[in-house]
Amino acid sequence: MPTIFDYFPLIRAQFFIKNLFLCNFITWSAKKQQFVPVFWSNVKYTLPLVCNTVQCATVLARMRSLISNGPKNIFFTQIISCCLSLSNIGHWAMGMACRRKSAEITAYFNGILITHAQYSKSLPARRGVKLRLRDIISTGKCMPGDISRGEMGRFGLCIGLFTQVVPTILLNMLVLMLPCAMPHFLRSTFPDCAANGKEFVWDFGIPTNWAWAVTLVDMFSSGYGMCLACVAVSFVFHCGVTCVADHLKRTRNSLKLQSILAYKQAQILTTAVNNINQVGNLPIMITDLTWVGITCFYAVIAHNSKLSVPALLFAIVLGVDCTFASSFVIYKAGADLYQLSQDVLQNWRGRKSMLKNRYLRRMKASCNVLKIKLGSAGNFIEKATPLIIFQFSMEQVASLLLISVKEKRNLHA
């Protein structure tokens, strides 16, 4: 059964890519041999954040103007741009929620290090100072075996790593090859991108020979937002929940004082996970991923012939990631933890050692089912939650398709 030390190459690879875009809120310290928070207190981090915030606000205002002043069907014809202009806000919000909790996230994962240290035999080797490609590849090779055993820790991190790299490359290809095709790019505001008169043009007074600088801003912003979102989803949420479940699985078949103490540790870790994700990260994550999944799947089905190859591939990758992968891998981690804790408590009930030992009975009575809470209203992720979210997404895709068919009929009437 894997520990957090087995996930190290993938975690550090995510940190490395995120550090390229200057948006790391937590990193690994080889000197201290633990996770350390990164406080955005200097220009190195605040300047990219300000640039990305201004870019997101400008794009959102531009898309609002486009939808208000354009044709009635502009939302459907520019669905990918509408999707990305809003999802950029969601990515930014997830990153800010995690940045505010960077000290708590660091303390939580350092607690996981201590908890899992007793199960790992070769700590120095697993905490290698240098990040090497062969370590990432060898860790990725273990993923099929993990999936066959129902272990999704490596798979979730691989999904996050894949989403950090591939959609960012596709977006960069779009802004380089077809800068005028996507109105959510700032590059498309230049007069040389005018379409249907001046429908897509906002005159910022920037000379055309500075278009390359605006192109770089678009490229940087696409990677910045994607890195914020992927680390918040695959590392902060999924890996955090999976590490609690891994700890619990090691003691589920025995009933000793050590087993109950291990369950108590899992309760404390679950409380920490909820403090990090419950109000800020998780509601934003579910809203953002559901919105992106719906709009991307609709674009692939209804407008595949009108999309360029990079845009079509981008929509397919994000559509699959934000519906199938998020429902059946990311959210399922929370549902599995709930089901696992129920099974452990049910397995303890009626044991002879439990019936004979009053102290064990009292200890067991204080063990509650572990729940990944959603918001402050008492909701939590249970077994049916991933299926409910997936069904909702597919229903909304079907609704958009019906609306678009009706719009086409009205135009031809």
Protein backbone atom coordinates (compact mmCIF):
# COMPACT_ATOMS: atom_id res chain seq x y z
CA MET A 1 0.00 0.00 0.00
CA PRO A 2 1.55 3.35 -1.04
CA THR A 3 2.48 6.16 1.32
CA ILE A 4 2.94 9.85 0.63
CA PHE A 5 6.65 9.15 0.06
CA ASP A 6 5.69 7.04 -2.98
CA TYR A 7 3.88 10.07 -4.41
CA PHE A 8 6.86 12.40 -3.96
CA PRO A 9 8.15 12.50 -7.58
CA LEU A 10 4.69 13.40 -8.92
CA ILE A 11 4.06 15.97 -6.18
CA ARG A 12 7.41 17.64 -6.74
CA ALA A 13 6.88 17.61 -10.52
CA GLN A 14 3.65 19.55 -9.98
CA PHE A 15 5.51 22.00 -7.74
CA PHE A 16 8.25 22.41 -10.36
CA ILE A 17 5.81 23.28 -13.16
CA LYS A 18 3.87 25.58 -10.86
CA ASN A 19 7.07 27.35 -9.83
CA LEU A 20 7.76 28.16 -13.51
CA PHE A 21 4.64 30.33 -13.44
CA LEU A 22 5.52 31.89 -10.05
CA CYS A 23 2.32 30.73 -8.33
CA ASN A 24 3.57 28.22 -5.74
CA PHE A 25 1.93 28.52 -2.32
CA ILE A 26 3.68 25.42 -0.93
CA THR A 27 6.93 23.67 -1.84
CA TRP A 28 9.30 20.95 -0.66
CA SER A 29 12.42 21.93 1.26
CA ALA A 30 15.26 19.47 0.73
CA LYS A 31 17.19 21.14 3.54
CA LYS A 32 14.42 20.86 6.14
CA GLN A 33 13.05 17.60 4.70
CA GLN A 34 9.49 18.87 4.94
CA PHE A 35 6.90 20.98 3.15
CA VAL A 36 7.18 24.72 3.65
CA PRO A 37 4.68 27.49 2.79
CA VAL A 38 5.52 30.11 0.18
CA PHE A 39 4.29 33.56 1.19
CA TRP A 40 3.62 35.91 -1.71
CA SER A 41 5.23 38.91 -0.04
CA ASN A 42 7.62 40.10 -2.75
CA VAL A 43 7.40 41.39 -6.31
CA LYS A 44 8.34 37.99 -7.73
CA TYR A 45 4.91 36.62 -6.75
CA THR A 46 2.73 39.72 -6.44
CA LEU A 47 3.46 41.07 -9.94
CA PRO A 48 2.31 37.90 -11.81
CA LEU A 49 -0.73 37.75 -9.52
CA VAL A 50 -1.67 41.36 -10.30
CA CYS A 51 -1.13 40.80 -14.05
CA ASN A 52 -3.28 37.68 -14.01
CA THR A 53 -6.00 39.39 -11.97
CA VAL A 54 -6.13 42.36 -14.37
CA GLN A 55 -6.16 40.02 -17.36
CA CYS A 56 -9.04 37.95 -15.91
CA ALA A 57 -11.08 41.06 -15.05
CA THR A 58 -10.51 42.58 -18.50
CA VAL A 59 -11.43 39.36 -20.30
CA LEU A 60 -14.57 38.91 -18.20
CA ALA A 61 -15.71 42.48 -18.96
CA ARG A 62 -14.92 41.97 -22.65
CA MET A 63 -16.91 38.73 -22.86
CA ARG A 64 -19.84 40.37 -21.08
CA SER A 65 -19.81 43.18 -23.64
CA LEU A 66 -19.54 40.67 -26.47
CA ILE A 67 -22.54 38.66 -25.26
CA SER A 68 -24.62 41.81 -24.57
CA ASN A 69 -23.93 43.48 -27.93
CA GLY A 70 -23.48 40.47 -30.19
CA PRO A 71 -26.04 38.25 -31.92
CA LYS A 72 -28.46 36.22 -29.80
CA ASN A 73 -26.56 33.00 -30.44
CA ILE A 74 -23.13 34.47 -29.62
CA PHE A 75 -22.94 32.48 -26.37
CA PHE A 76 -23.25 29.21 -28.28
CA THR A 77 -20.90 30.13 -31.12
CA GLN A 78 -18.22 31.39 -28.68
CA ILE A 79 -18.86 28.74 -26.03
CA ILE A 80 -15.17 27.89 -25.51
CA SER A 81 -14.24 31.53 -24.91
CA CYS A 82 -17.18 31.97 -22.54
CA CYS A 83 -16.09 28.82 -20.73
CA LEU A 84 -12.47 29.92 -20.36
CA SER A 85 -13.26 33.52 -19.38
CA LEU A 86 -15.32 32.28 -16.41
CA SER A 87 -13.12 29.30 -15.57
CA ASN A 88 -10.13 31.65 -15.31
CA ILE A 89 -11.98 33.32 -12.44
CA GLY A 90 -12.61 29.91 -10.87
CA HIS A 91 -8.96 28.91 -11.21
CA TRP A 92 -7.88 32.20 -9.69
CA ALA A 93 -10.35 31.79 -6.80
CA MET A 94 -9.14 28.24 -6.07
CA GLY A 95 -5.55 29.44 -6.02
CA MET A 96 -6.39 32.33 -3.68
CA ALA A 97 -8.34 30.02 -1.36
CA CYS A 98 -5.35 27.68 -1.12
CA ARG A 99 -2.87 30.55 -0.76
CA ARG A 100 -4.79 31.89 2.24
CA LYS A 101 -4.58 28.40 3.79
CA SER A 102 -0.96 27.75 2.79
CA ALA A 103 0.21 27.47 6.43
CA GLU A 104 -2.60 24.99 7.22
CA ILE A 105 -1.91 22.97 4.07
CA THR A 106 1.78 22.80 4.96
CA ALA A 107 1.06 21.71 8.54
CA TYR A 108 -1.39 19.07 7.30
CA PHE A 109 0.99 17.44 4.83
CA ASN A 110 3.85 17.57 7.32
CA GLY A 111 1.54 15.72 9.70
CA ILE A 112 0.97 13.15 6.95
CA LEU A 113 4.76 12.77 6.65
CA ILE A 114 5.02 11.95 10.34
CA THR A 115 2.02 9.60 10.24
CA HIS A 116 3.24 7.69 7.18
CA ALA A 117 6.90 7.61 8.30
CA GLN A 118 6.25 4.51 10.43
CA TYR A 119 5.18 2.58 7.31
CA SER A 120 8.09 3.60 5.05
CA LYS A 121 11.37 1.68 5.24
CA SER A 122 13.63 3.91 3.14
CA LEU A 123 12.85 7.54 3.89
CA PRO A 124 16.08 9.12 2.60
CA ALA A 125 15.76 7.43 -0.80
CA ARG A 126 12.13 8.46 -1.13
CA ARG A 127 12.93 12.04 -0.19
CA GLY A 128 15.61 12.46 -2.85
CA VAL A 129 17.11 15.92 -3.02
CA LYS A 130 16.94 16.21 -6.81
CA LEU A 131 13.84 15.79 -8.93
CA ARG A 132 14.71 13.36 -11.73
CA LEU A 133 12.67 12.42 -14.78
CA ARG A 134 13.35 8.71 -14.31
CA ASP A 135 11.82 8.88 -10.81
CA ILE A 136 8.67 10.45 -12.24
CA ILE A 137 8.48 7.78 -14.97
CA SER A 138 9.08 4.90 -12.54
CA THR A 139 6.40 6.29 -10.22
CA GLY A 140 4.00 6.59 -13.15
CA LYS A 141 4.67 2.95 -14.11
CA CYS A 142 3.26 1.86 -10.75
CA MET A 143 -0.07 3.51 -11.59
CA PRO A 144 -1.72 0.54 -13.43
CA GLY A 145 -0.99 -1.77 -10.47
CA ASP A 146 -2.42 0.80 -8.08
CA ILE A 147 -5.61 1.14 -10.14
CA SER A 148 -6.09 -2.64 -10.19
CA ARG A 149 -5.94 -2.59 -6.36
CA GLY A 150 -8.27 0.39 -6.11
CA GLU A 151 -5.49 2.81 -5.12
CA MET A 152 -6.05 6.13 -6.91
CA GLY A 153 -3.36 8.32 -5.31
CA ARG A 154 -0.84 8.18 -8.18
CA PHE A 155 -3.60 8.28 -10.79
CA GLY A 156 -5.06 11.50 -9.37
CA LEU A 157 -1.63 13.18 -9.29
CA CYS A 158 -0.92 12.00 -12.87
CA ILE A 159 -4.23 13.54 -13.99
CA GLY A 160 -3.23 16.81 -12.35
CA LEU A 161 0.22 16.72 -13.96
CA PHE A 162 -1.27 15.92 -17.38
CA THR A 163 -3.78 18.79 -17.06
CA GLN A 164 -1.04 21.21 -16.06
CA VAL A 165 0.92 20.44 -19.22
CA VAL A 166 -1.35 19.48 -22.14
CA PRO A 167 -4.14 22.13 -21.98
CA THR A 168 -1.51 24.84 -21.39
CA ILE A 169 0.37 23.74 -24.52
CA LEU A 170 -2.88 23.66 -26.54
CA LEU A 171 -3.85 27.15 -25.34
CA ASN A 172 -0.41 28.47 -26.23
CA MET A 173 -0.76 26.92 -29.70
CA LEU A 174 -4.11 28.67 -30.06
CA VAL A 175 -2.81 32.12 -29.14
CA LEU A 176 0.21 31.70 -31.43
CA MET A 177 -1.50 30.13 -34.43
CA LEU A 178 -5.04 31.61 -34.25
CA PRO A 179 -4.89 34.73 -32.04
CA CYS A 180 -8.08 36.17 -33.52
CA ALA A 181 -10.22 33.04 -33.23
CA MET A 182 -10.81 33.20 -29.47
CA PRO A 183 -12.20 36.51 -28.16
CA HIS A 184 -11.16 35.73 -24.58
CA PHE A 185 -7.53 36.31 -25.58
CA LEU A 186 -6.35 39.90 -25.09
CA ARG A 187 -4.46 39.50 -28.37
CA SER A 188 -7.81 39.39 -30.20
CA THR A 189 -8.56 42.97 -29.11
CA PHE A 190 -6.16 44.39 -31.70
CA PRO A 191 -7.63 45.96 -34.87
CA ASP A 192 -6.11 43.27 -37.10
CA CYS A 193 -8.55 40.81 -35.51
CA ALA A 194 -11.67 42.75 -36.47
CA ALA A 195 -14.56 40.49 -37.42
CA ASN A 196 -18.02 41.58 -38.56
CA GLY A 197 -17.11 45.22 -38.36
CA LYS A 198 -15.68 46.00 -34.92
CA GLU A 199 -17.64 43.40 -33.00
CA PHE A 200 -14.61 41.83 -31.32
CA VAL A 201 -12.40 44.91 -31.04
CA TRP A 202 -11.69 47.01 -27.99
CA ASP A 203 -9.27 49.80 -28.69
CA PHE A 204 -6.84 49.96 -25.76
CA GLY A 205 -4.58 52.31 -27.68
CA ILE A 206 -1.71 49.79 -27.76
CA PRO A 207 0.39 49.95 -30.95
CA THR A 208 0.14 46.88 -33.17
CA ASN A 209 3.89 46.26 -32.91
CA TRP A 210 3.33 45.45 -29.20
CA ALA A 211 1.07 42.54 -30.07
CA TRP A 212 3.86 40.08 -29.20
CA ALA A 213 3.90 41.36 -25.59
CA VAL A 214 0.15 40.87 -25.24
CA THR A 215 0.56 37.38 -26.74
CA LEU A 216 3.09 36.54 -24.01
CA VAL A 217 0.66 37.80 -21.37
CA ASP A 218 -2.06 35.50 -22.77
CA MET A 219 0.33 32.54 -22.80
CA PHE A 220 1.51 33.20 -19.25
CA SER A 221 -2.04 33.67 -17.93
CA SER A 222 -3.23 30.39 -19.43
CA GLY A 223 -0.49 28.45 -17.65
CA TYR A 224 -0.85 30.47 -14.45
CA GLY A 225 -4.54 29.68 -14.03
CA MET A 226 -4.18 26.03 -15.04
CA CYS A 227 -1.39 25.43 -12.51
CA LEU A 228 -3.37 27.06 -9.69
CA ALA A 229 -6.40 24.87 -10.41
CA CYS A 230 -4.60 21.56 -10.96
CA VAL A 231 -2.55 21.71 -7.76
CA ALA A 232 -5.63 22.79 -5.76
CA VAL A 233 -7.61 19.83 -7.13
CA SER A 234 -5.14 16.95 -7.43
CA PHE A 235 -2.74 17.75 -4.57
CA VAL A 236 -4.56 19.81 -1.92
CA PHE A 237 -7.88 17.93 -2.18
CA HIS A 238 -7.40 14.52 -3.78
CA CYS A 239 -3.95 13.66 -2.42
CA GLY A 240 -4.92 15.02 1.02
CA VAL A 241 -8.04 12.82 1.21
CA THR A 242 -6.25 9.78 -0.27
CA CYS A 243 -3.50 9.96 2.37
CA VAL A 244 -6.14 9.77 5.13
CA ALA A 245 -7.73 6.74 3.46
CA ASP A 246 -4.32 5.05 3.02
CA HIS A 247 -3.64 5.51 6.73
CA LEU A 248 -7.02 4.05 7.65
CA LYS A 249 -6.72 1.00 5.37
CA ARG A 250 -3.70 -0.30 7.28
CA THR A 251 -5.72 -0.87 10.45
CA ARG A 252 -9.19 -1.73 9.15
CA ASN A 253 -8.91 -5.53 9.72
CA SER A 254 -7.68 -5.47 13.31
CA LEU A 255 -9.19 -4.35 16.59
CA LYS A 256 -6.52 -3.28 19.02
CA LEU A 257 -5.85 -0.13 20.94
CA GLN A 258 -3.35 0.86 18.21
CA SER A 259 -6.09 0.46 15.58
CA ILE A 260 -8.46 2.77 17.44
CA LEU A 261 -5.66 5.30 17.97
CA ALA A 262 -4.92 5.14 14.23
CA TYR A 263 -8.61 5.83 13.55
CA LYS A 264 -8.40 8.78 15.93
CA GLN A 265 -5.44 10.07 13.91
CA ALA A 266 -7.54 9.72 10.75
CA GLN A 267 -10.30 11.74 12.43
CA ILE A 268 -7.86 14.54 13.20
CA LEU A 269 -6.50 14.48 9.64
CA THR A 270 -10.04 14.56 8.22
CA THR A 271 -10.83 17.61 10.36
CA ALA A 272 -7.71 19.28 8.96
CA VAL A 273 -8.75 18.42 5.37
CA ASN A 274 -12.19 19.89 6.00
CA ASN A 275 -10.73 23.06 7.49
CA ILE A 276 -8.67 23.50 4.31
CA ASN A 277 -11.28 22.58 1.68
CA GLN A 278 -14.73 22.81 3.22
CA VAL A 279 -15.63 26.48 2.71
CA GLY A 280 -13.14 27.84 0.18
CA ASN A 281 -11.52 25.34 -2.16
CA LEU A 282 -14.09 22.53 -2.53
CA PRO A 283 -17.26 24.54 -3.43
CA ILE A 284 -15.28 26.62 -5.94
CA MET A 285 -13.71 23.45 -7.35
CA ILE A 286 -17.04 21.65 -7.89
CA THR A 287 -18.63 24.74 -9.46
CA ASP A 288 -15.67 25.43 -11.74
CA LEU A 289 -15.11 21.85 -12.90
CA THR A 290 -18.82 21.27 -13.52
CA TRP A 291 -19.11 24.47 -15.59
CA VAL A 292 -16.01 23.66 -17.64
CA GLY A 293 -17.09 20.05 -18.23
CA ILE A 294 -20.58 21.05 -19.40
CA THR A 295 -19.44 23.77 -21.80
CA CYS A 296 -16.53 21.77 -23.25
CA PHE A 297 -18.65 18.69 -23.93
CA TYR A 298 -21.32 20.86 -25.55
CA ALA A 299 -18.70 22.53 -27.75
CA VAL A 300 -17.25 19.17 -28.83
CA ILE A 301 -20.68 17.75 -29.75
CA ALA A 302 -22.37 20.80 -31.28
CA HIS A 303 -19.50 22.84 -32.76
CA ASN A 304 -16.73 20.33 -33.53
CA SER A 305 -16.70 21.26 -37.22
CA LYS A 306 -16.19 24.96 -36.42
CA LEU A 307 -13.36 24.53 -33.89
CA SER A 308 -9.71 24.56 -34.84
CA VAL A 309 -7.71 21.41 -34.04
CA PRO A 310 -6.04 22.87 -30.89
CA ALA A 311 -9.39 24.22 -29.63
CA LEU A 312 -11.12 20.88 -30.29
CA LEU A 313 -8.37 18.91 -28.53
CA PHE A 314 -8.45 21.38 -25.64
CA ALA A 315 -12.23 20.96 -25.28
CA ILE A 316 -11.95 17.16 -25.40
CA VAL A 317 -9.18 17.04 -22.77
CA LEU A 318 -10.91 19.41 -20.36
CA GLY A 319 -14.33 17.85 -21.00
CA VAL A 320 -13.07 14.38 -20.05
CA ASP A 321 -11.03 15.74 -17.13
CA CYS A 322 -13.85 17.80 -15.64
CA THR A 323 -16.59 15.17 -15.96
CA PHE A 324 -15.29 11.59 -15.97
CA ALA A 325 -11.97 12.11 -14.15
CA SER A 326 -13.31 14.59 -11.58
CA SER A 327 -16.42 12.52 -10.79
CA PHE A 328 -14.91 9.05 -10.73
CA VAL A 329 -11.43 9.86 -9.39
CA ILE A 330 -11.36 13.22 -7.57
CA TYR A 331 -14.77 13.30 -5.85
CA LYS A 332 -14.75 9.52 -5.45
CA ALA A 333 -11.82 9.87 -3.02
CA GLY A 334 -14.12 11.65 -0.58
CA ALA A 335 -16.89 9.09 -1.13
CA ASP A 336 -14.45 6.19 -0.64
CA LEU A 337 -13.19 7.65 2.65
CA TYR A 338 -16.77 7.90 3.93
CA GLN A 339 -17.54 4.31 2.87
CA LEU A 340 -14.25 2.99 4.27
CA SER A 341 -14.83 4.54 7.70
CA GLN A 342 -18.34 3.08 7.77
CA ASP A 343 -16.93 -0.37 6.94
CA VAL A 344 -14.26 -0.11 9.65
CA LEU A 345 -16.77 0.85 12.35
CA GLN A 346 -19.18 -1.86 11.17
CA ASN A 347 -16.37 -4.43 11.25
CA TRP A 348 -15.56 -3.53 14.85
CA ARG A 349 -19.15 -3.91 15.98
CA GLY A 350 -19.83 -7.26 17.66
CA ARG A 351 -16.18 -8.30 17.95
CA LYS A 352 -15.52 -10.45 21.03
CA SER A 353 -12.62 -8.29 22.14
CA MET A 354 -14.91 -5.27 21.88
CA LEU A 355 -17.62 -6.92 23.96
CA LYS A 356 -15.17 -8.00 26.67
CA ASN A 357 -13.09 -4.84 26.95
CA ARG A 358 -14.98 -1.85 28.38
CA TYR A 359 -12.12 0.53 27.56
CA LEU A 360 -12.17 -0.45 23.87
CA ARG A 361 -15.94 0.03 23.79
CA ARG A 362 -15.60 3.54 25.14
CA MET A 363 -12.83 4.38 22.71
CA LYS A 364 -14.85 2.98 19.81
CA ALA A 365 -17.93 4.97 20.84
CA SER A 366 -15.97 8.20 20.34
CA CYS A 367 -15.06 7.24 16.73
CA ASN A 368 -17.32 8.92 14.18
CA VAL A 369 -17.78 8.29 10.48
CA LEU A 370 -15.27 10.33 8.45
CA LYS A 371 -16.96 12.86 6.18
CA ILE A 372 -15.50 15.29 3.64
CA LYS A 373 -17.77 18.25 4.23
CA LEU A 374 -19.03 20.56 1.50
CA GLY A 375 -19.77 24.10 2.63
CA SER A 376 -21.05 25.12 6.05
CA ALA A 377 -24.59 23.70 5.75
CA GLY A 378 -23.70 20.18 6.87
CA ASN A 379 -23.51 18.62 3.37
CA PHE A 380 -20.77 16.09 2.66
CA ILE A 381 -19.51 13.81 -0.10
CA GLU A 382 -21.08 10.37 0.09
CA LYS A 383 -21.20 7.34 -2.19
CA ALA A 384 -23.80 8.79 -4.59
CA THR A 385 -22.29 12.29 -4.85
CA PRO A 386 -19.92 11.59 -7.83
CA LEU A 387 -22.77 10.00 -9.80
CA ILE A 388 -25.13 12.89 -8.98
CA ILE A 389 -22.59 15.48 -10.19
CA PHE A 390 -21.87 13.46 -13.35
CA GLN A 391 -25.60 13.02 -14.08
CA PHE A 392 -26.19 16.74 -13.56
CA SER A 393 -23.41 17.59 -16.02
CA MET A 394 -24.78 15.27 -18.71
CA GLU A 395 -28.31 16.63 -18.24
CA GLN A 396 -27.08 20.20 -18.69
CA VAL A 397 -25.17 19.23 -21.85
CA ALA A 398 -28.37 17.69 -23.23
CA SER A 399 -30.31 20.85 -22.31
CA LEU A 400 -27.79 23.08 -24.12
CA LEU A 401 -27.99 20.86 -27.20
CA LEU A 402 -31.79 21.12 -27.24
CA ILE A 403 -31.64 24.91 -26.83
CA SER A 404 -29.12 25.24 -29.67
CA VAL A 405 -31.27 23.08 -31.97
CA LYS A 406 -34.27 25.29 -31.17
CA GLU A 407 -32.23 28.42 -31.89
CA LYS A 408 -31.18 27.04 -35.28
CA ARG A 409 -34.78 26.27 -36.18
CA ASN A 410 -35.84 29.79 -35.23
CA LEU A 411 -33.08 31.28 -37.39
CA HIS A 412 -34.13 29.21 -40.41
CA ALA A 413 -37.84 29.87 -39.85
